N, C-alpha and C. Protein backbone atom coordinates (compact mmCIF):
# COMPACT_ATOMS: atom_id res chain seq x y z
N MET A 1 -11.60 -2.63 7.89
CA MET A 1 -11.90 -4.21 8.30
C MET A 1 -13.07 -3.97 8.66
N SER A 2 -13.97 -4.77 7.90
CA SER A 2 -15.40 -5.71 9.01
C SER A 2 -14.85 -5.65 10.06
N GLU A 3 -15.60 -5.41 10.93
CA GLU A 3 -15.62 -6.57 12.03
C GLU A 3 -16.58 -8.09 12.08
N THR A 4 -17.37 -8.36 11.02
CA THR A 4 -17.43 -10.16 10.88
C THR A 4 -16.41 -10.39 9.77
N PHE A 5 -15.26 -9.69 9.60
CA PHE A 5 -15.17 -10.46 8.11
C PHE A 5 -13.96 -11.24 8.62
N ILE A 6 -13.97 -12.55 8.44
CA ILE A 6 -12.73 -13.40 8.78
C ILE A 6 -11.93 -13.99 7.42
N PRO A 7 -10.85 -13.11 6.91
CA PRO A 7 -10.14 -13.55 5.65
C PRO A 7 -9.62 -14.92 5.56
N SER A 8 -9.53 -15.07 4.18
CA SER A 8 -8.88 -16.43 4.35
C SER A 8 -7.56 -16.69 4.84
N SER A 9 -6.98 -17.58 4.86
CA SER A 9 -5.72 -18.10 4.59
C SER A 9 -4.93 -18.80 3.93
N VAL A 10 -5.97 -18.67 2.69
CA VAL A 10 -5.01 -19.12 0.97
C VAL A 10 -5.89 -17.00 0.41
N LEU A 11 -4.58 -16.38 -0.51
CA LEU A 11 -5.00 -15.07 -0.67
C LEU A 11 -4.44 -15.55 -2.36
N PRO A 12 -4.98 -14.74 -3.01
CA PRO A 12 -5.52 -14.89 -4.43
C PRO A 12 -3.67 -13.28 -4.35
N LEU A 13 -2.86 -12.90 -5.07
CA LEU A 13 -1.88 -12.67 -5.09
C LEU A 13 -1.65 -11.80 -6.29
N PHE A 14 -1.49 -9.99 -5.99
CA PHE A 14 -1.22 -8.96 -6.85
C PHE A 14 -0.55 -8.33 -6.76
N PRO A 15 0.66 -8.85 -7.45
CA PRO A 15 1.96 -8.33 -7.39
C PRO A 15 2.12 -6.42 -8.17
N ILE A 16 2.47 -5.70 -7.23
CA ILE A 16 2.92 -4.19 -8.04
C ILE A 16 3.80 -3.89 -7.60
N SER A 17 5.07 -3.65 -8.42
CA SER A 17 6.21 -3.20 -7.66
C SER A 17 5.78 -1.42 -7.92
N GLY A 18 6.38 -0.35 -5.82
CA GLY A 18 6.10 0.57 -6.03
C GLY A 18 4.81 0.62 -5.68
N CYS A 19 3.90 -0.40 -5.19
CA CYS A 19 2.89 0.01 -4.58
C CYS A 19 2.55 -0.23 -3.00
N ILE A 20 2.05 -0.21 -2.49
CA ILE A 20 1.97 -0.80 -1.19
C ILE A 20 0.15 -0.41 -0.93
N LEU A 21 -0.46 -1.04 0.30
CA LEU A 21 -1.73 -0.51 0.50
C LEU A 21 -1.36 -1.00 1.97
N LEU A 22 -1.71 -0.12 2.90
CA LEU A 22 -1.96 0.21 4.33
C LEU A 22 -3.55 0.13 4.87
N PRO A 23 -3.22 -0.34 5.46
CA PRO A 23 -4.38 -0.71 6.50
C PRO A 23 -5.90 0.59 7.13
N GLY A 24 -6.80 0.34 6.01
CA GLY A 24 -7.18 1.58 6.35
C GLY A 24 -8.00 2.46 5.19
N GLU A 25 -6.85 2.59 4.34
CA GLU A 25 -6.33 3.45 2.72
C GLU A 25 -7.09 2.43 1.86
N MET A 26 -8.10 3.73 0.86
CA MET A 26 -8.27 3.07 -0.55
C MET A 26 -7.12 2.98 -1.27
N LEU A 27 -7.23 2.03 -2.24
CA LEU A 27 -5.84 1.68 -3.65
C LEU A 27 -7.23 1.55 -4.79
N PRO A 28 -7.21 2.97 -5.67
CA PRO A 28 -8.14 3.18 -6.70
C PRO A 28 -6.86 2.06 -7.67
N LEU A 29 -7.26 1.16 -8.27
CA LEU A 29 -7.06 0.79 -9.57
C LEU A 29 -7.48 0.05 -10.92
N ASN A 30 -6.26 0.39 -12.13
CA ASN A 30 -7.00 -0.40 -13.41
C ASN A 30 -6.61 -1.25 -13.88
N VAL A 31 -7.49 -2.53 -14.03
CA VAL A 31 -6.61 -4.02 -14.33
C VAL A 31 -7.11 -4.31 -15.32
N PHE A 32 -6.39 -4.62 -16.48
CA PHE A 32 -6.24 -5.03 -17.29
C PHE A 32 -5.80 -6.26 -18.11
N GLU A 33 -4.36 -6.96 -17.23
CA GLU A 33 -3.83 -8.48 -17.24
C GLU A 33 -5.22 -8.96 -17.94
N PRO A 34 -5.11 -10.22 -18.82
CA PRO A 34 -5.54 -11.65 -18.66
C PRO A 34 -5.78 -12.00 -17.47
N ARG A 35 -4.60 -12.36 -17.11
CA ARG A 35 -4.16 -12.97 -15.35
C ARG A 35 -5.38 -12.64 -14.60
N TYR A 36 -5.13 -11.28 -14.66
CA TYR A 36 -5.72 -10.18 -13.16
C TYR A 36 -7.03 -10.32 -13.43
N LEU A 37 -8.11 -10.19 -14.47
CA LEU A 37 -8.72 -10.23 -15.32
C LEU A 37 -9.75 -11.57 -14.64
N ASN A 38 -9.35 -11.79 -14.83
CA ASN A 38 -9.30 -13.74 -14.41
C ASN A 38 -9.54 -13.74 -12.63
N MET A 39 -7.91 -13.31 -11.94
CA MET A 39 -8.30 -13.25 -10.93
C MET A 39 -9.77 -12.60 -10.20
N LEU A 40 -9.96 -11.07 -10.35
CA LEU A 40 -11.08 -10.50 -9.85
C LEU A 40 -12.48 -11.04 -10.44
N ASP A 41 -12.55 -12.34 -11.91
CA ASP A 41 -13.76 -12.73 -11.54
C ASP A 41 -14.12 -13.58 -10.80
N ASP A 42 -12.69 -14.19 -9.75
CA ASP A 42 -12.43 -15.72 -9.17
C ASP A 42 -13.01 -14.87 -7.62
N VAL A 43 -12.20 -13.71 -7.84
CA VAL A 43 -12.26 -12.38 -6.30
C VAL A 43 -13.80 -11.96 -5.69
N MET A 44 -13.91 -11.91 -7.58
CA MET A 44 -16.20 -11.19 -7.06
C MET A 44 -16.43 -12.51 -6.88
N ASP A 45 -16.48 -13.76 -7.84
CA ASP A 45 -17.13 -14.59 -6.78
C ASP A 45 -17.27 -14.86 -5.91
N GLY A 46 -16.40 -15.31 -4.78
CA GLY A 46 -15.53 -14.85 -3.31
C GLY A 46 -15.95 -14.00 -2.27
N ASP A 47 -15.30 -14.04 -1.74
CA ASP A 47 -15.57 -12.90 -0.45
C ASP A 47 -14.73 -11.79 -1.00
N GLY A 48 -14.01 -11.21 -1.94
CA GLY A 48 -13.77 -9.98 -2.87
C GLY A 48 -12.60 -9.99 -2.48
N ALA A 49 -11.65 -10.82 -1.56
CA ALA A 49 -10.43 -10.38 -1.21
C ALA A 49 -9.35 -11.09 -1.99
N LEU A 50 -8.51 -10.16 -2.04
CA LEU A 50 -6.59 -10.18 -2.71
C LEU A 50 -5.91 -9.60 -2.27
N GLY A 51 -4.34 -10.22 -2.40
CA GLY A 51 -3.37 -9.46 -1.22
C GLY A 51 -2.42 -8.81 -1.81
N ILE A 52 -2.84 -7.66 -1.90
CA ILE A 52 -1.42 -6.23 -2.82
C ILE A 52 -0.30 -6.41 -2.37
N ILE A 53 0.48 -7.14 -3.45
CA ILE A 53 2.38 -6.78 -2.60
C ILE A 53 3.38 -6.77 -3.66
N GLN A 54 4.48 -6.33 -2.78
CA GLN A 54 5.36 -5.80 -4.25
C GLN A 54 6.30 -7.25 -4.03
N PRO A 55 6.65 -7.34 -6.08
CA PRO A 55 7.58 -8.51 -6.10
C PRO A 55 9.13 -7.32 -6.08
N LYS A 56 10.20 -8.12 -5.84
CA LYS A 56 11.13 -8.03 -5.16
C LYS A 56 12.62 -8.84 -6.48
N PRO A 57 13.91 -8.13 -6.42
CA PRO A 57 14.63 -8.90 -7.10
C PRO A 57 14.86 -10.08 -7.13
N GLY A 58 14.81 -10.66 -8.87
CA GLY A 58 15.15 -12.05 -8.63
C GLY A 58 14.26 -13.06 -8.87
N GLY A 59 14.25 -14.15 -9.26
CA GLY A 59 13.34 -14.95 -10.14
C GLY A 59 13.06 -14.56 -11.61
N ARG A 60 11.91 -15.06 -12.01
CA ARG A 60 11.40 -15.03 -13.80
C ARG A 60 10.77 -13.75 -13.80
N ALA A 61 11.21 -13.51 -15.08
CA ALA A 61 10.14 -12.23 -15.08
C ALA A 61 8.98 -12.21 -14.93
N ASP A 62 7.90 -13.29 -15.57
CA ASP A 62 6.40 -12.70 -15.41
C ASP A 62 5.97 -14.17 -13.77
N ALA A 63 7.41 -13.93 -13.12
CA ALA A 63 6.83 -14.97 -11.47
C ALA A 63 8.25 -14.99 -10.84
N PRO A 64 8.36 -13.32 -10.33
CA PRO A 64 9.11 -12.44 -9.94
C PRO A 64 9.49 -12.84 -8.22
N HIS A 65 10.14 -13.23 -7.66
CA HIS A 65 10.47 -13.10 -6.72
C HIS A 65 9.40 -12.36 -5.44
N LEU A 66 8.84 -12.98 -4.44
CA LEU A 66 8.23 -11.79 -3.69
C LEU A 66 8.21 -11.20 -2.12
N GLU A 67 7.87 -9.94 -2.00
CA GLU A 67 8.11 -9.72 -0.33
C GLU A 67 7.16 -10.30 0.22
N THR A 68 7.38 -10.44 1.58
CA THR A 68 7.15 -11.29 2.68
C THR A 68 5.74 -11.59 2.97
N ILE A 69 5.58 -9.65 2.72
CA ILE A 69 4.88 -8.87 3.80
C ILE A 69 3.76 -7.96 2.80
N GLY A 70 2.83 -8.14 3.10
CA GLY A 70 1.90 -7.61 2.42
C GLY A 70 0.21 -7.07 2.77
N THR A 71 -0.59 -6.34 1.74
CA THR A 71 -2.00 -5.87 2.44
C THR A 71 -2.78 -6.77 2.41
N LEU A 72 -3.94 -6.60 2.93
CA LEU A 72 -5.08 -8.10 2.30
C LEU A 72 -6.12 -6.33 2.10
N GLY A 73 -7.18 -6.93 0.04
CA GLY A 73 -7.61 -5.60 0.18
C GLY A 73 -8.88 -6.35 -0.14
N ARG A 74 -9.69 -5.64 -0.10
CA ARG A 74 -11.37 -5.42 0.03
C ARG A 74 -11.87 -4.40 -1.12
N VAL A 75 -12.48 -6.14 -2.13
CA VAL A 75 -12.98 -4.34 -3.57
C VAL A 75 -14.11 -3.86 -2.76
N ILE A 76 -13.64 -2.61 -3.10
CA ILE A 76 -15.60 -2.36 -2.84
C ILE A 76 -15.93 -1.09 -3.44
N SER A 77 -15.18 -1.33 -4.98
CA SER A 77 -16.06 -0.89 -5.66
C SER A 77 -15.35 -1.48 -7.08
N PHE A 78 -16.61 -1.93 -8.11
CA PHE A 78 -15.54 -2.70 -9.31
C PHE A 78 -16.44 -2.31 -10.14
N THR A 79 -15.70 -1.26 -11.16
CA THR A 79 -16.79 -0.95 -12.90
C THR A 79 -15.66 -1.11 -13.71
N GLU A 80 -16.74 -1.83 -14.42
CA GLU A 80 -16.01 -2.94 -16.14
C GLU A 80 -16.06 -1.29 -17.70
N SER A 81 -14.89 -1.33 -17.54
CA SER A 81 -15.05 -0.76 -18.68
C SER A 81 -15.38 -1.03 -20.38
N GLU A 82 -15.80 -0.03 -21.49
CA GLU A 82 -16.57 -0.71 -22.66
C GLU A 82 -15.22 -1.63 -23.13
N ASP A 83 -13.50 -1.26 -22.26
CA ASP A 83 -12.65 -1.75 -22.95
C ASP A 83 -12.17 -3.70 -23.16
N GLY A 84 -13.28 -3.86 -21.55
CA GLY A 84 -12.93 -4.79 -21.00
C GLY A 84 -11.71 -4.28 -20.12
N ARG A 85 -11.44 -3.72 -19.85
CA ARG A 85 -10.50 -2.97 -18.69
C ARG A 85 -11.29 -3.40 -17.07
N TYR A 86 -11.25 -3.66 -15.98
CA TYR A 86 -11.55 -3.32 -14.70
C TYR A 86 -11.21 -2.60 -14.04
N LEU A 87 -12.42 -1.71 -13.63
CA LEU A 87 -11.34 -0.72 -12.37
C LEU A 87 -12.09 -0.62 -11.25
N ILE A 88 -11.09 -1.25 -10.78
CA ILE A 88 -11.66 -0.82 -8.89
C ILE A 88 -11.40 -0.12 -7.37
N VAL A 89 -11.49 -0.46 -6.54
CA VAL A 89 -10.54 0.23 -6.24
C VAL A 89 -11.11 -0.88 -4.28
N LEU A 90 -10.17 -0.69 -4.30
CA LEU A 90 -9.42 -1.60 -2.84
C LEU A 90 -9.42 -0.85 -1.48
N GLN A 91 -10.37 -1.54 -0.57
CA GLN A 91 -10.06 -0.73 1.32
C GLN A 91 -8.95 -2.01 2.10
N GLY A 92 -8.56 -1.11 2.23
CA GLY A 92 -6.73 -1.60 3.18
C GLY A 92 -7.43 -2.85 4.19
N GLY A 93 -7.38 -3.99 4.91
CA GLY A 93 -7.62 -4.73 5.61
C GLY A 93 -5.50 -4.81 6.79
N ILE A 94 -6.20 -5.78 6.79
CA ILE A 94 -4.85 -6.53 7.70
C ILE A 94 -3.71 -6.95 7.51
N ARG A 95 -2.35 -6.86 7.67
CA ARG A 95 -1.23 -7.37 6.96
C ARG A 95 -1.16 -8.30 7.24
N PHE A 96 -0.42 -9.38 6.03
CA PHE A 96 -0.61 -10.70 6.53
C PHE A 96 0.90 -10.89 5.85
N ARG A 97 1.95 -11.70 6.15
CA ARG A 97 3.16 -12.41 5.86
C ARG A 97 3.21 -14.04 4.92
N ILE A 98 3.82 -13.82 3.92
CA ILE A 98 3.43 -15.48 3.26
C ILE A 98 4.20 -16.12 4.02
N ILE A 99 3.13 -17.05 4.25
CA ILE A 99 4.21 -18.48 5.02
C ILE A 99 4.75 -19.11 3.78
N GLU A 100 3.67 -19.72 2.57
CA GLU A 100 4.41 -20.14 1.16
C GLU A 100 3.51 -20.08 0.08
N GLU A 101 3.85 -20.22 -1.39
CA GLU A 101 2.95 -20.12 -2.08
C GLU A 101 2.36 -21.34 -2.14
N MET A 102 1.66 -21.54 -2.95
CA MET A 102 0.56 -22.20 -3.30
C MET A 102 0.44 -22.82 -4.96
N PHE A 103 0.77 -23.30 -5.78
CA PHE A 103 0.82 -23.71 -7.22
C PHE A 103 -0.44 -24.67 -7.93
N LEU A 104 -1.40 -23.78 -7.78
CA LEU A 104 -2.24 -24.10 -7.74
C LEU A 104 -3.11 -23.40 -9.43
N MET A 105 -3.84 -24.45 -10.21
CA MET A 105 -3.92 -24.47 -11.31
C MET A 105 -5.15 -23.28 -11.52
N THR A 106 -4.05 -21.84 -11.62
CA THR A 106 -4.52 -20.65 -11.79
C THR A 106 -3.92 -19.90 -12.02
N PRO A 107 -4.48 -18.79 -13.28
CA PRO A 107 -2.66 -18.48 -13.92
C PRO A 107 -2.62 -17.44 -13.23
N TYR A 108 -3.03 -16.70 -11.86
CA TYR A 108 -2.15 -16.08 -11.18
C TYR A 108 -1.99 -16.24 -9.80
N ARG A 109 -1.41 -16.01 -9.18
CA ARG A 109 -0.51 -16.23 -8.10
C ARG A 109 -1.73 -16.65 -6.56
N GLN A 110 -1.36 -17.65 -5.96
CA GLN A 110 -1.53 -18.14 -4.01
C GLN A 110 -0.48 -18.12 -3.92
N ALA A 111 -0.91 -17.27 -2.52
CA ALA A 111 -0.28 -17.91 -1.33
C ALA A 111 -1.18 -18.22 -0.02
N ARG A 112 -0.83 -19.50 1.24
CA ARG A 112 -1.31 -19.43 2.12
C ARG A 112 -0.62 -18.17 2.97
N VAL A 113 -1.34 -17.68 3.92
CA VAL A 113 -0.64 -16.19 4.54
C VAL A 113 -1.08 -16.66 5.73
N ASP A 114 -0.25 -15.70 6.51
CA ASP A 114 -0.37 -15.83 8.23
C ASP A 114 -0.39 -14.48 9.02
N TYR A 115 -1.38 -13.95 9.10
CA TYR A 115 -1.70 -12.59 9.85
C TYR A 115 -1.86 -12.00 11.17
N HIS A 116 -1.06 -13.20 12.29
CA HIS A 116 -0.67 -13.06 13.69
C HIS A 116 0.30 -12.34 13.73
N ASP A 117 0.84 -11.68 13.52
CA ASP A 117 1.61 -10.47 13.74
C ASP A 117 1.19 -9.11 13.36
N PHE A 118 0.10 -9.00 12.73
CA PHE A 118 -0.60 -7.95 12.68
C PHE A 118 -1.90 -7.26 12.83
N THR A 119 -2.16 -8.32 14.08
CA THR A 119 -4.04 -7.94 14.64
C THR A 119 -4.23 -6.69 14.88
N HIS A 120 -3.24 -6.14 15.50
CA HIS A 120 -2.78 -4.72 15.90
C HIS A 120 -3.57 -3.35 14.69
N ASP A 121 -3.74 -4.15 13.56
CA ASP A 121 -4.05 -3.16 12.29
C ASP A 121 -5.84 -3.10 12.08
N ILE A 122 -6.37 -3.89 12.82
CA ILE A 122 -7.55 -3.79 12.88
C ILE A 122 -7.96 -2.19 13.94
N ALA A 123 -7.79 -2.60 14.82
CA ALA A 123 -8.12 -0.69 15.34
C ALA A 123 -6.90 0.01 15.43
N PRO A 124 -6.73 1.67 15.87
CA PRO A 124 -6.16 2.78 15.58
C PRO A 124 -5.42 2.46 16.75
N MET A 125 -3.79 2.54 16.27
CA MET A 125 -3.34 2.90 17.58
C MET A 125 -2.85 4.56 17.50
N ALA A 126 -2.23 4.18 18.80
CA ALA A 126 -1.89 5.79 19.32
C ALA A 126 -0.18 6.26 18.92
N LEU A 127 -0.08 7.73 19.05
CA LEU A 127 1.45 7.40 18.02
C LEU A 127 2.03 7.99 19.80
N THR A 128 2.91 6.63 19.61
CA THR A 128 3.19 6.52 20.98
C THR A 128 4.57 6.24 20.64
N PRO A 129 5.90 6.50 20.91
CA PRO A 129 6.16 8.37 21.35
C PRO A 129 5.78 9.03 21.16
N GLU A 130 5.09 10.12 20.92
CA GLU A 130 4.39 11.13 20.60
C GLU A 130 4.93 11.80 18.82
N ILE A 131 5.21 12.65 17.54
CA ILE A 131 5.91 12.74 16.53
C ILE A 131 5.22 14.27 17.04
N ASP A 132 6.72 15.11 16.87
CA ASP A 132 6.51 16.63 16.52
C ASP A 132 5.38 16.58 15.19
N ARG A 133 4.31 17.18 15.61
CA ARG A 133 3.76 17.44 14.01
C ARG A 133 3.66 18.42 13.66
N ALA A 134 5.02 19.38 14.26
CA ALA A 134 4.76 20.73 13.89
C ALA A 134 6.21 20.76 12.64
N HIS A 135 7.69 19.91 13.17
CA HIS A 135 8.47 19.42 12.12
C HIS A 135 8.15 18.73 10.49
N PHE A 136 7.05 17.58 11.82
CA PHE A 136 6.70 16.79 10.72
C PHE A 136 5.66 17.71 9.62
N MET A 137 5.05 19.16 9.80
CA MET A 137 4.35 19.35 8.94
C MET A 137 5.28 20.25 7.93
N ALA A 138 6.06 20.83 8.10
CA ALA A 138 7.19 21.82 7.74
C ALA A 138 8.36 20.80 7.09
N THR A 139 7.95 19.89 7.26
CA THR A 139 8.75 19.00 5.69
C THR A 139 7.65 18.32 5.26
N LEU A 140 7.18 18.31 5.22
CA LEU A 140 6.04 17.88 3.99
C LEU A 140 5.66 18.90 3.31
N ARG A 141 5.76 19.79 4.26
CA ARG A 141 5.50 21.63 3.30
C ARG A 141 6.23 21.05 2.52
N GLU A 142 7.49 21.56 2.32
CA GLU A 142 8.76 21.06 1.65
C GLU A 142 9.22 20.54 0.77
N PHE A 143 8.45 19.06 1.33
CA PHE A 143 8.54 18.35 0.33
C PHE A 143 7.51 18.05 -1.39
N PHE A 144 6.54 19.00 -0.93
CA PHE A 144 6.08 19.10 -1.37
C PHE A 144 5.77 19.92 -3.11
N ASP A 145 6.29 20.69 -2.19
CA ASP A 145 7.12 22.31 -2.94
C ASP A 145 8.09 21.13 -4.11
N ALA A 146 8.86 20.78 -3.05
CA ALA A 146 10.13 20.29 -3.81
C ALA A 146 9.62 19.18 -4.94
N ASN A 147 8.33 18.84 -4.81
CA ASN A 147 8.05 17.91 -5.94
C ASN A 147 6.81 18.23 -6.79
N ARG A 148 6.52 19.33 -6.45
CA ARG A 148 5.60 20.05 -7.42
C ARG A 148 3.97 19.81 -7.01
N VAL A 149 4.08 19.37 -5.83
CA VAL A 149 2.36 18.52 -5.26
C VAL A 149 1.44 19.83 -4.83
N GLU A 150 0.29 20.01 -5.69
CA GLU A 150 -0.63 20.89 -4.68
C GLU A 150 -2.00 20.08 -4.03
N THR A 151 -2.25 20.54 -3.17
CA THR A 151 -2.66 20.19 -2.39
C THR A 151 -3.55 20.81 -1.36
N ASP A 152 -4.88 20.08 -0.66
CA ASP A 152 -6.18 21.71 -0.11
C ASP A 152 -4.95 21.51 1.74
N TRP A 153 -4.08 22.20 1.75
CA TRP A 153 -3.74 21.92 3.27
C TRP A 153 -4.65 22.40 4.58
N ASP A 154 -5.76 23.16 4.10
CA ASP A 154 -6.46 22.91 5.59
C ASP A 154 -7.26 21.98 5.82
N ALA A 155 -7.84 21.40 4.43
CA ALA A 155 -7.90 19.67 5.15
C ALA A 155 -6.33 18.78 5.49
N VAL A 156 -5.40 19.35 5.51
CA VAL A 156 -3.92 18.09 5.77
C VAL A 156 -3.85 19.03 6.67
N GLU A 157 -4.03 19.89 7.02
CA GLU A 157 -4.09 20.22 9.21
C GLU A 157 -5.09 20.08 9.52
N ALA A 158 -6.10 19.72 9.41
CA ALA A 158 -6.56 18.94 10.28
C ALA A 158 -7.18 18.51 10.18
N ALA A 159 -6.51 17.10 9.98
CA ALA A 159 -6.44 15.18 9.83
C ALA A 159 -5.35 14.88 10.19
N PRO A 160 -5.99 13.77 11.04
CA PRO A 160 -4.87 13.48 12.35
C PRO A 160 -4.10 12.76 11.34
N LEU A 161 -2.36 13.19 11.81
CA LEU A 161 -0.76 12.57 11.55
C LEU A 161 -0.77 11.80 11.02
N THR A 162 -1.78 10.47 11.52
CA THR A 162 -1.49 9.02 11.41
C THR A 162 -1.89 8.66 9.81
N THR A 163 -3.18 9.23 9.36
CA THR A 163 -4.35 9.27 8.12
C THR A 163 -2.86 10.31 6.99
N ILE A 164 -2.59 11.13 7.33
CA ILE A 164 -1.80 12.09 6.90
C ILE A 164 -0.09 11.53 6.01
N ALA A 165 0.15 10.85 7.20
CA ALA A 165 1.31 9.66 6.61
C ALA A 165 1.10 8.76 6.07
N ASP A 166 -0.21 8.15 5.93
CA ASP A 166 -0.57 6.98 4.95
C ASP A 166 -0.40 7.21 3.77
N LYS A 167 -1.46 8.52 3.86
CA LYS A 167 -1.92 8.75 2.86
C LYS A 167 -0.41 9.36 0.97
N VAL A 168 0.42 9.94 2.39
CA VAL A 168 1.66 9.78 1.53
C VAL A 168 3.23 8.68 1.32
N ALA A 169 2.60 8.13 2.10
CA ALA A 169 3.32 7.25 1.92
C ALA A 169 3.37 5.67 0.68
N MET A 170 1.92 5.86 0.62
CA MET A 170 1.15 5.03 -0.51
C MET A 170 1.32 5.75 -2.10
N SER A 171 1.67 7.45 -1.86
CA SER A 171 1.31 7.67 -3.10
C SER A 171 2.81 8.24 -3.09
N ALA A 172 3.47 8.66 -2.59
CA ALA A 172 5.46 9.87 -2.58
C ALA A 172 5.91 8.47 -3.65
N PRO A 173 6.65 9.73 -3.89
CA PRO A 173 7.87 8.00 -5.28
C PRO A 173 9.19 7.64 -4.87
N PHE A 174 8.86 7.09 -3.52
CA PHE A 174 9.83 6.45 -3.19
C PHE A 174 10.05 5.25 -3.74
N ARG A 175 11.33 4.50 -3.37
CA ARG A 175 11.76 3.70 -4.34
C ARG A 175 10.75 2.76 -3.92
N PRO A 176 10.96 1.43 -4.91
CA PRO A 176 10.02 -0.31 -3.73
C PRO A 176 10.95 -0.34 -1.98
N GLU A 177 11.69 -0.48 -2.45
CA GLU A 177 12.72 -0.74 -1.37
C GLU A 177 12.28 -0.23 0.08
N ASP A 178 11.87 1.36 -0.03
CA ASP A 178 11.26 2.42 0.61
C ASP A 178 9.97 2.57 1.32
N LYS A 179 9.08 2.34 0.15
CA LYS A 179 7.80 2.20 -0.18
C LYS A 179 7.82 0.35 1.16
N GLN A 180 8.19 -0.69 0.97
CA GLN A 180 8.11 -1.87 1.67
C GLN A 180 8.75 -1.51 2.94
N ALA A 181 9.78 -0.57 3.74
CA ALA A 181 9.75 -0.17 5.02
C ALA A 181 8.51 0.66 5.04
N LEU A 182 8.18 1.73 5.32
CA LEU A 182 7.32 1.68 5.38
C LEU A 182 5.31 1.22 5.49
N LEU A 183 5.88 -0.15 4.84
CA LEU A 183 4.86 -1.18 4.91
C LEU A 183 4.27 -2.29 6.01
N GLU A 184 6.22 -2.20 6.07
CA GLU A 184 6.42 -3.16 7.50
C GLU A 184 6.78 -2.18 8.92
N ALA A 185 6.51 -1.06 9.37
CA ALA A 185 6.85 -0.51 10.38
C ALA A 185 5.88 -0.97 11.20
N PRO A 186 6.30 -1.17 12.25
CA PRO A 186 5.52 -2.13 13.47
C PRO A 186 4.08 -0.97 14.05
N ASP A 187 4.42 -0.08 13.95
CA ASP A 187 2.99 0.78 14.66
C ASP A 187 3.44 2.18 13.69
N PRO A 188 2.07 2.55 13.92
CA PRO A 188 1.85 3.96 13.35
C PRO A 188 3.53 5.52 13.88
N ALA A 189 3.88 4.96 14.77
CA ALA A 189 5.32 5.82 15.27
C ALA A 189 6.35 6.07 14.12
N LEU A 190 6.19 4.54 14.12
CA LEU A 190 7.20 3.95 13.06
C LEU A 190 7.70 4.53 11.83
N ARG A 191 6.16 4.06 11.91
CA ARG A 191 6.56 4.49 10.04
C ARG A 191 5.99 6.69 9.80
N VAL A 192 5.39 6.97 10.55
CA VAL A 192 5.85 8.22 10.26
C VAL A 192 7.36 8.67 10.65
N ALA A 193 7.62 8.22 11.53
CA ALA A 193 9.09 8.77 11.69
C ALA A 193 10.10 8.25 10.55
N THR A 194 9.87 6.35 10.03
CA THR A 194 10.17 6.09 8.50
C THR A 194 9.83 7.26 7.73
N LEU A 195 8.91 7.31 7.25
CA LEU A 195 8.61 8.65 5.79
C LEU A 195 9.69 9.75 6.63
N LEU A 196 9.19 10.46 7.70
CA LEU A 196 9.71 11.68 7.62
C LEU A 196 11.22 11.48 7.17
N SER A 197 12.35 10.27 8.27
CA SER A 197 13.57 10.50 7.43
C SER A 197 13.41 10.65 5.80
N LEU A 198 12.28 8.93 4.96
CA LEU A 198 12.43 9.71 3.48
C LEU A 198 12.42 10.55 2.73
N MET A 199 11.67 11.87 3.65
CA MET A 199 11.55 12.87 2.78
C MET A 199 12.43 13.62 2.85
N GLU A 200 13.37 14.07 4.61
CA GLU A 200 14.56 14.81 4.50
C GLU A 200 15.67 13.96 3.81
N GLU A 201 15.54 12.53 3.27
CA GLU A 201 16.29 12.47 2.16
C GLU A 201 16.79 12.63 0.99
N SER A 202 15.29 12.62 0.43
CA SER A 202 14.77 13.62 -0.76
C SER A 202 15.28 14.58 -0.58
N LEU A 203 14.31 15.43 0.33
CA LEU A 203 14.80 17.22 -0.03
C LEU A 203 16.06 17.14 0.12
N ASN A 204 17.30 16.61 0.95
CA ASN A 204 18.51 16.62 0.93
C ASN A 204 19.51 16.24 -0.31
N THR A 205 18.47 15.23 -1.32
CA THR A 205 19.51 15.15 -2.90
C THR A 205 18.63 15.99 -3.90
N SER A 206 17.86 16.90 -3.45
CA SER A 206 16.52 17.19 -4.33
C SER A 206 17.47 18.34 -5.64
N ASP A 207 18.12 19.25 -5.09
CA ASP A 207 19.05 19.45 -5.97
C ASP A 207 19.91 18.91 -7.36
N ALA A 208 20.12 17.71 -6.74
CA ALA A 208 21.46 17.37 -7.49
C ALA A 208 20.81 16.71 -8.52
N CYS A 209 19.23 15.85 -7.94
CA CYS A 209 18.99 14.65 -8.88
C CYS A 209 17.08 15.62 -9.55
N GLY A 210 17.00 17.26 -9.51
CA GLY A 210 15.92 18.00 -9.60
C GLY A 210 14.37 17.01 -8.93
N PRO A 211 13.30 18.17 -9.28
CA PRO A 211 11.97 17.52 -8.98
C PRO A 211 11.71 16.57 -9.44
N GLU A 212 10.51 15.82 -8.33
CA GLU A 212 9.40 14.92 -9.04
C GLU A 212 8.34 15.19 -9.62
N GLU A 213 7.47 14.11 -10.10
CA GLU A 213 5.99 15.08 -10.15
C GLU A 213 5.74 13.75 -9.62
N TYR A 214 4.38 13.94 -8.80
CA TYR A 214 2.91 12.81 -8.29
C TYR A 214 2.50 13.21 -7.87
N LYS A 215 1.15 12.82 -7.89
CA LYS A 215 -0.33 13.63 -7.77
C LYS A 215 -0.55 13.21 -5.85
N SER A 216 -1.05 13.95 -5.62
CA SER A 216 -1.54 13.25 -4.03
C SER A 216 -2.83 13.35 -3.74
């Protein structure tokens, strides 16, 4: 997030089940639903920011209950397709907590949010306590093999552990509630530890459930 960017206290919300955006990461989206096309028109006329949040059980089909914690995303790439879809890329900024939903005259939802609990998202944090990288990487290789994921292992091995963990946390086919736990981890060490636990749990049940496939 830019040092000069001051996030708004009211954010338009883009609820997506099974999708999280972590600070500093990129999220490509293919937007086609009319209310979110409208939202992006407004966002692009404003500061380019919106909130990525997960729905949770309860509420109406067109207005489900929402998790309380999400991430501010800023549009850094925007293209309109010939059939009217918007192809965008969001860059993750600071996480937020929903204080109250605002019932405004827009087809999309908006909420008053607070960033106070997540000011450390702005600057990278060290892994404290340190994580056993060798064990994490061995588990990641096994997890990728079980899910038939191909990747550039030279590039992965050269990357910081927090970067690897954040990219896997966003792309792996975990349950929405597990994704939310990864998002809400208060610091990088706990996010890596949570991811490691989820991968190990997946591997322990993979024989019974069969392999899943996803793109890294």
